[in-house]
């Protein structure tokens, strides 16, 4: 085996083996996965396997924390998620969510939150406030309204580790956020079916 082939083999082994050195890489991203069935969270009742996109030979299993979700540290890229949920008796229903993009977007830092909904009619909306709002201890709040129906009752965020996460029927929404005497209104925000939309308030 030539020196070049040995080098390539060693590099491939490093990429495929989930060892401690890989976990400490500055290039990795913390992928947090939460699962909903409509508006009901079922994260802790699901088993998740993470595959490199379009492969099925090797998978990684996230660690489940009931207070946060399924967490795994991965290299940036595209992944397929296998979600197994126990139903009545011993039956396990399996669903695949393919080509999930986990990249180091500047607005996410080295964290990526993926919200999976087992019902096709629902999506997720994650709100991120201006930096000056989160650098204080004062509370801020945001509500979501059906687009062009701001006067009607709004939707509230769901409980859990992501305090500004909305689980909503897919569609278009208007947002109204308050911080002290400041109000920010954002209109016509599209929530994708079975997808997660991150919206920055400016």
C-alpha atoms as a PDB file:
ATOM      1  CA  UNK A   1       0.000   0.000   0.000  1.00  0.00           C
ATOM      2  CA  UNK A   2       1.453   3.353  -1.031  1.00  0.00           C
ATOM      3  CA  UNK A   3       1.869   6.228   1.391  1.00  0.00           C
ATOM      4  CA  UNK A   4      -0.866   8.160  -0.413  1.00  0.00           C
ATOM      5  CA  UNK A   5      -3.347   5.258  -0.107  1.00  0.00           C
ATOM      6  CA  UNK A   6      -2.486   4.850   3.590  1.00  0.00           C
ATOM      7  CA  UNK A   7      -3.185   8.551   4.128  1.00  0.00           C
ATOM      8  CA  UNK A   8      -6.552   8.308   2.355  1.00  0.00           C
ATOM      9  CA  UNK A   9      -7.526   5.241   4.361  1.00  0.00           C
ATOM     10  CA  UNK A  10      -6.648   6.991   7.627  1.00  0.00           C
ATOM     11  CA  UNK A  11      -8.674  10.077   6.681  1.00  0.00           C
ATOM     12  CA  UNK A  12     -11.700   7.925   5.774  1.00  0.00           C
ATOM     13  CA  UNK A  13     -11.498   6.075   9.090  1.00  0.00           C
ATOM     14  CA  UNK A  14     -11.466   9.376  10.982  1.00  0.00           C
ATOM     15  CA  UNK A  15     -14.579  10.561   9.166  1.00  0.00           C
ATOM     16  CA  UNK A  16     -16.575   7.382   9.783  1.00  0.00           C
ATOM     17  CA  UNK A  17     -15.621   6.642  13.381  1.00  0.00           C
ATOM     18  CA  UNK A  18     -17.545   8.588  16.064  1.00  0.00           C
ATOM     19  CA  UNK A  19     -14.617   8.823  18.464  1.00  0.00           C
ATOM     20  CA  UNK A  20     -13.751  11.492  21.018  1.00  0.00           C
ATOM     21  CA  UNK A  21     -11.335  13.343  18.757  1.00  0.00           C
ATOM     22  CA  UNK A  22     -14.074  13.797  16.156  1.00  0.00           C
ATOM     23  CA  UNK A  23     -16.520  14.963  18.811  1.00  0.00           C
ATOM     24  CA  UNK A  24     -14.103  17.686  19.887  1.00  0.00           C
ATOM     25  CA  UNK A  25     -13.552  18.948  16.334  1.00  0.00           C
ATOM     26  CA  UNK A  26     -14.167  22.670  15.873  1.00  0.00           C
ATOM     27  CA  UNK A  27     -16.030  21.784  12.684  1.00  0.00           C
ATOM     28  CA  UNK A  28     -18.795  19.795  14.369  1.00  0.00           C
ATOM     29  CA  UNK A  29     -22.314  21.038  15.042  1.00  0.00           C
ATOM     30  CA  UNK A  30     -24.659  20.101  17.875  1.00  0.00           C
ATOM     31  CA  UNK A  31     -27.819  18.732  16.242  1.00  0.00           C
ATOM     32  CA  UNK A  32     -30.872  18.808  18.532  1.00  0.00           C
ATOM     33  CA  UNK A  33     -33.930  16.876  17.346  1.00  0.00           C
ATOM     34  CA  UNK A  34     -37.449  17.198  18.768  1.00  0.00           C
ATOM     35  CA  UNK A  35     -40.427  15.238  17.442  1.00  0.00           C
ATOM     36  CA  UNK A  36     -44.092  16.237  17.436  1.00  0.00           C
ATOM     37  CA  UNK A  37     -47.305  14.518  16.388  1.00  0.00           C
ATOM     38  CA  UNK A  38     -49.385  17.529  15.462  1.00  0.00           C
ATOM     39  CA  UNK A  39     -49.104  19.814  18.509  1.00  0.00           C
ATOM     40  CA  UNK A  40     -48.241  16.948  20.888  1.00  0.00           C
ATOM     41  CA  UNK A  41     -44.566  16.411  21.635  1.00  0.00           C
ATOM     42  CA  UNK A  42     -43.516  12.749  21.389  1.00  0.00           C
ATOM     43  CA  UNK A  43     -39.735  13.236  21.467  1.00  0.00           C
ATOM     44  CA  UNK A  44     -39.046  10.906  24.390  1.00  0.00           C
ATOM     45  CA  UNK A  45     -41.199   8.149  22.874  1.00  0.00           C
ATOM     46  CA  UNK A  46     -39.130   7.992  19.681  1.00  0.00           C
ATOM     47  CA  UNK A  47     -35.882   6.313  18.720  1.00  0.00           C
ATOM     48  CA  UNK A  48     -33.770   8.137  16.173  1.00  0.00           C
ATOM     49  CA  UNK A  49     -30.934   6.992  13.950  1.00  0.00           C
ATOM     50  CA  UNK A  50     -28.871   9.477  11.949  1.00  0.00           C
ATOM     51  CA  UNK A  51     -27.372   8.458   8.592  1.00  0.00           C
ATOM     52  CA  UNK A  52     -25.280  10.328   6.089  1.00  0.00           C
ATOM     53  CA  UNK A  53     -27.722  11.239   3.308  1.00  0.00           C
ATOM     54  CA  UNK A  54     -28.525   8.439   0.846  1.00  0.00           C
ATOM     55  CA  UNK A  55     -26.575   5.840   2.833  1.00  0.00           C
ATOM     56  CA  UNK A  56     -27.817   3.065   5.072  1.00  0.00           C
ATOM     57  CA  UNK A  57     -24.608   1.225   5.983  1.00  0.00           C
ATOM     58  CA  UNK A  58     -23.748   3.037   9.202  1.00  0.00           C
ATOM     59  CA  UNK A  59     -25.766   5.183  11.588  1.00  0.00           C
ATOM     60  CA  UNK A  60     -25.267   7.254  14.707  1.00  0.00           C
ATOM     61  CA  UNK A  61     -27.647   7.255  17.663  1.00  0.00           C
ATOM     62  CA  UNK A  62     -28.299  10.578  19.428  1.00  0.00           C
ATOM     63  CA  UNK A  63     -28.379  10.782  23.209  1.00  0.00           C
ATOM     64  CA  UNK A  64     -31.879  11.426  24.551  1.00  0.00           C
ATOM     65  CA  UNK A  65     -32.387  13.978  27.289  1.00  0.00           C
ATOM     66  CA  UNK A  66     -36.062  14.198  28.232  1.00  0.00           C
ATOM     67  CA  UNK A  67     -35.681  17.903  29.010  1.00  0.00           C
ATOM     68  CA  UNK A  68     -34.078  18.923  25.709  1.00  0.00           C
ATOM     69  CA  UNK A  69     -34.425  16.236  23.019  1.00  0.00           C
ATOM     70  CA  UNK A  70     -32.183  13.946  20.986  1.00  0.00           C
ATOM     71  CA  UNK A  71     -28.691  15.458  20.790  1.00  0.00           C
ATOM     72  CA  UNK A  72     -25.795  14.399  18.588  1.00  0.00           C
ATOM     73  CA  UNK A  73     -22.645  16.123  17.380  1.00  0.00           C
ATOM     74  CA  UNK A  74     -22.125  15.785  13.619  1.00  0.00           C
ATOM     75  CA  UNK A  75     -20.058  17.168  10.792  1.00  0.00           C
ATOM     76  CA  UNK A  76     -21.818  19.735   8.577  1.00  0.00           C
ATOM     77  CA  UNK A  77     -23.699  18.079   5.728  1.00  0.00           C
ATOM     78  CA  UNK A  78     -26.904  16.347   4.659  1.00  0.00           C
ATOM     79  CA  UNK A  79     -28.431  13.607   6.793  1.00  0.00           C
ATOM     80  CA  UNK A  80     -31.319  11.151   6.711  1.00  0.00           C
ATOM     81  CA  UNK A  81     -33.195  10.577   9.990  1.00  0.00           C
ATOM     82  CA  UNK A  82     -34.906   7.292  10.829  1.00  0.00           C
ATOM     83  CA  UNK A  83     -37.633   7.824  13.427  1.00  0.00           C
ATOM     84  CA  UNK A  84     -39.183   4.835  15.155  1.00  0.00           C
ATOM     85  CA  UNK A  85     -42.184   5.268  17.454  1.00  0.00           C
ATOM     86  CA  UNK A  86     -43.830   2.477  19.419  1.00  0.00           C
ATOM     87  CA  UNK A  87     -47.558   2.187  18.813  1.00  0.00           C
ATOM     88  CA  UNK A  88     -50.069  -0.242  20.293  1.00  0.00           C
ATOM     89  CA  UNK A  89     -48.541  -3.497  21.485  1.00  0.00           C
ATOM     90  CA  UNK A  90     -45.072  -4.161  20.099  1.00  0.00           C
ATOM     91  CA  UNK A  91     -45.685  -2.472  16.749  1.00  0.00           C
ATOM     92  CA  UNK A  92     -43.149   0.226  15.830  1.00  0.00           C
ATOM     93  CA  UNK A  93     -43.966   2.758  13.130  1.00  0.00           C
ATOM     94  CA  UNK A  94     -40.928   3.957  11.206  1.00  0.00           C
ATOM     95  CA  UNK A  95     -40.671   7.187   9.234  1.00  0.00           C
ATOM     96  CA  UNK A  96     -37.793   8.654   7.279  1.00  0.00           C
ATOM     97  CA  UNK A  97     -36.958  12.351   7.049  1.00  0.00           C
ATOM     98  CA  UNK A  98     -34.425  12.675   4.265  1.00  0.00           C
ATOM     99  CA  UNK A  99     -31.850  15.277   3.268  1.00  0.00           C
ATOM    100  CA  UNK A 100     -31.888  17.293   6.478  1.00  0.00           C
ATOM    101  CA  UNK A 101     -29.375  20.106   6.001  1.00  0.00           C
ATOM    102  CA  UNK A 102     -27.096  20.610   9.022  1.00  0.00           C
ATOM    103  CA  UNK A 103     -24.762  23.485   8.239  1.00  0.00           C
ATOM    104  CA  UNK A 104     -22.925  26.141  10.219  1.00  0.00           C
ATOM    105  CA  UNK A 105     -25.235  29.054   9.485  1.00  0.00           C
ATOM    106  CA  UNK A 106     -23.985  32.293  11.117  1.00  0.00           C
ATOM    107  CA  UNK A 107     -27.320  32.857  12.875  1.00  0.00           C
ATOM    108  CA  UNK A 108     -27.237  29.407  14.495  1.00  0.00           C
ATOM    109  CA  UNK A 109     -23.619  29.296  15.605  1.00  0.00           C
ATOM    110  CA  UNK A 110     -22.601  25.684  16.134  1.00  0.00           C
ATOM    111  CA  UNK A 111     -26.115  24.541  17.041  1.00  0.00           C
ATOM    112  CA  UNK A 112     -28.881  23.322  14.770  1.00  0.00           C
ATOM    113  CA  UNK A 113     -32.420  22.588  15.970  1.00  0.00           C
ATOM    114  CA  UNK A 114     -34.481  20.262  13.790  1.00  0.00           C
ATOM    115  CA  UNK A 115     -38.173  19.931  14.597  1.00  0.00           C
ATOM    116  CA  UNK A 116     -39.840  16.884  13.059  1.00  0.00           C
ATOM    117  CA  UNK A 117     -43.618  16.628  12.802  1.00  0.00           C
ATOM    118  CA  UNK A 118     -45.182  13.258  12.072  1.00  0.00           C
ATOM    119  CA  UNK A 119     -48.283  14.967  10.662  1.00  0.00           C
ATOM    120  CA  UNK A 120     -47.786  16.407   7.201  1.00  0.00           C
ATOM    121  CA  UNK A 121     -50.046  19.410   7.808  1.00  0.00           C
ATOM    122  CA  UNK A 122     -47.855  20.893  10.570  1.00  0.00           C
ATOM    123  CA  UNK A 123     -44.566  22.774  10.637  1.00  0.00           C
ATOM    124  CA  UNK A 124     -42.390  24.612  13.152  1.00  0.00           C
ATOM    125  CA  UNK A 125     -41.437  28.248  13.610  1.00  0.00           C
ATOM    126  CA  UNK A 126     -38.476  29.217  15.796  1.00  0.00           C
ATOM    127  CA  UNK A 127     -38.173  32.894  16.705  1.00  0.00           C
ATOM    128  CA  UNK A 128     -34.880  34.576  17.510  1.00  0.00           C
ATOM    129  CA  UNK A 129     -35.105  38.095  19.007  1.00  0.00           C
ATOM    130  CA  UNK A 130     -32.612  40.948  18.509  1.00  0.00           C
ATOM    131  CA  UNK A 131     -29.367  40.427  20.435  1.00  0.00           C
ATOM    132  CA  UNK A 132     -30.037  43.448  22.659  1.00  0.00           C
ATOM    133  CA  UNK A 133     -33.247  41.771  23.899  1.00  0.00           C
ATOM    134  CA  UNK A 134     -31.533  38.607  25.102  1.00  0.00           C
ATOM    135  CA  UNK A 135     -28.574  40.380  26.697  1.00  0.00           C
ATOM    136  CA  UNK A 136     -30.795  41.662  29.491  1.00  0.00           C
ATOM    137  CA  UNK A 137     -32.758  39.840  32.180  1.00  0.00           C
ATOM    138  CA  UNK A 138     -36.009  41.529  31.183  1.00  0.00           C
ATOM    139  CA  UNK A 139     -38.621  39.335  29.548  1.00  0.00           C
ATOM    140  CA  UNK A 140     -39.825  39.627  26.005  1.00  0.00           C
ATOM    141  CA  UNK A 141     -42.749  37.849  24.383  1.00  0.00           C
ATOM    142  CA  UNK A 142     -43.999  37.029  20.913  1.00  0.00           C
ATOM    143  CA  UNK A 143     -47.279  35.761  19.488  1.00  0.00           C
ATOM    144  CA  UNK A 144     -48.127  34.333  16.074  1.00  0.00           C
ATOM    145  CA  UNK A 145     -51.342  35.123  14.212  1.00  0.00           C
ATOM    146  CA  UNK A 146     -52.823  33.825  11.011  1.00  0.00           C
ATOM    147  CA  UNK A 147     -51.728  36.179   8.240  1.00  0.00           C
ATOM    148  CA  UNK A 148     -54.036  39.226   7.902  1.00  0.00           C
ATOM    149  CA  UNK A 149     -55.897  38.227  11.095  1.00  0.00           C
ATOM    150  CA  UNK A 150     -53.776  39.993  13.736  1.00  0.00           C
ATOM    151  CA  UNK A 151     -56.889  41.004  15.681  1.00  0.00           C
ATOM    152  CA  UNK A 152     -57.836  37.401  16.375  1.00  0.00           C
ATOM    153  CA  UNK A 153     -56.483  35.198  19.158  1.00  0.00           C
ATOM    154  CA  UNK A 154     -52.834  34.327  18.615  1.00  0.00           C
ATOM    155  CA  UNK A 155     -50.805  31.150  18.999  1.00  0.00           C
ATOM    156  CA  UNK A 156     -48.414  30.800  21.949  1.00  0.00           C
ATOM    157  CA  UNK A 157     -45.009  29.070  21.972  1.00  0.00           C
ATOM    158  CA  UNK A 158     -44.864  25.454  23.156  1.00  0.00           C
ATOM    159  CA  UNK A 159     -43.231  24.428  26.424  1.00  0.00           C
ATOM    160  CA  UNK A 160     -39.705  23.070  26.459  1.00  0.00           C
ATOM    161  CA  UNK A 161     -36.049  23.988  26.019  1.00  0.00           C
ATOM    162  CA  UNK A 162     -36.730  26.304  23.067  1.00  0.00           C
ATOM    163  CA  UNK A 163     -38.947  28.988  24.640  1.00  0.00           C
ATOM    164  CA  UNK A 164     -39.829  30.677  21.367  1.00  0.00           C
ATOM    165  CA  UNK A 165     -40.805  27.609  19.356  1.00  0.00           C
ATOM    166  CA  UNK A 166     -44.228  27.477  17.706  1.00  0.00           C
ATOM    167  CA  UNK A 167     -45.836  24.309  16.343  1.00  0.00           C
ATOM    168  CA  UNK A 168     -48.351  25.467  13.751  1.00  0.00           C
ATOM    169  CA  UNK A 169     -50.397  24.259  10.808  1.00  0.00           C
ATOM    170  CA  UNK A 170     -48.353  24.984   7.686  1.00  0.00           C
ATOM    171  CA  UNK A 171     -49.201  28.388   6.264  1.00  0.00           C
ATOM    172  CA  UNK A 172     -48.541  32.105   6.518  1.00  0.00           C
ATOM    173  CA  UNK A 173     -48.374  33.984   9.837  1.00  0.00           C
ATOM    174  CA  UNK A 174     -47.866  37.458  11.252  1.00  0.00           C
ATOM    175  CA  UNK A 175     -45.703  37.934  14.351  1.00  0.00           C
ATOM    176  CA  UNK A 176     -46.031  40.548  17.074  1.00  0.00           C
ATOM    177  CA  UNK A 177     -43.177  40.783  19.609  1.00  0.00           C
ATOM    178  CA  UNK A 178     -42.921  43.047  22.675  1.00  0.00           C
ATOM    179  CA  UNK A 179     -39.944  44.098  24.773  1.00  0.00           C
ATOM    180  CA  UNK A 180     -40.625  46.859  27.305  1.00  0.00           C
ATOM    181  CA  UNK A 181     -42.247  49.596  25.200  1.00  0.00           C
ATOM    182  CA  UNK A 182     -40.815  48.298  21.918  1.00  0.00           C
ATOM    183  CA  UNK A 183     -43.023  46.387  19.497  1.00  0.00           C
ATOM    184  CA  UNK A 184     -41.864  44.548  16.384  1.00  0.00           C
ATOM    185  CA  UNK A 185     -44.357  43.309  13.803  1.00  0.00           C
ATOM    186  CA  UNK A 186     -43.374  40.924  11.031  1.00  0.00           C
ATOM    187  CA  UNK A 187     -45.922  39.907   8.406  1.00  0.00           C
ATOM    188  CA  UNK A 188     -46.358  36.998   6.020  1.00  0.00           C
ATOM    189  CA  UNK A 189     -43.903  34.522   7.554  1.00  0.00           C
ATOM    190  CA  UNK A 190     -44.248  31.160   5.841  1.00  0.00           C
ATOM    191  CA  UNK A 191     -44.217  28.028   8.008  1.00  0.00           C
ATOM    192  CA  UNK A 192     -43.311  25.005   5.851  1.00  0.00           C
ATOM    193  CA  UNK A 193     -45.114  21.676   6.120  1.00  0.00           C
ATOM    194  CA  UNK A 194     -42.954  19.210   8.108  1.00  0.00           C
ATOM    195  CA  UNK A 195     -40.139  21.743   8.164  1.00  0.00           C
ATOM    196  CA  UNK A 196     -38.575  24.235  10.573  1.00  0.00           C
ATOM    197  CA  UNK A 197     -38.435  27.951   9.830  1.00  0.00           C
ATOM    198  CA  UNK A 198     -36.026  30.138  11.786  1.00  0.00           C
ATOM    199  CA  UNK A 199     -37.071  33.796  11.851  1.00  0.00           C
ATOM    200  CA  UNK A 200     -34.844  36.572  13.135  1.00  0.00           C
ATOM    201  CA  UNK A 201     -36.596  39.633  14.554  1.00  0.00           C
ATOM    202  CA  UNK A 202     -34.992  42.906  13.501  1.00  0.00           C
END
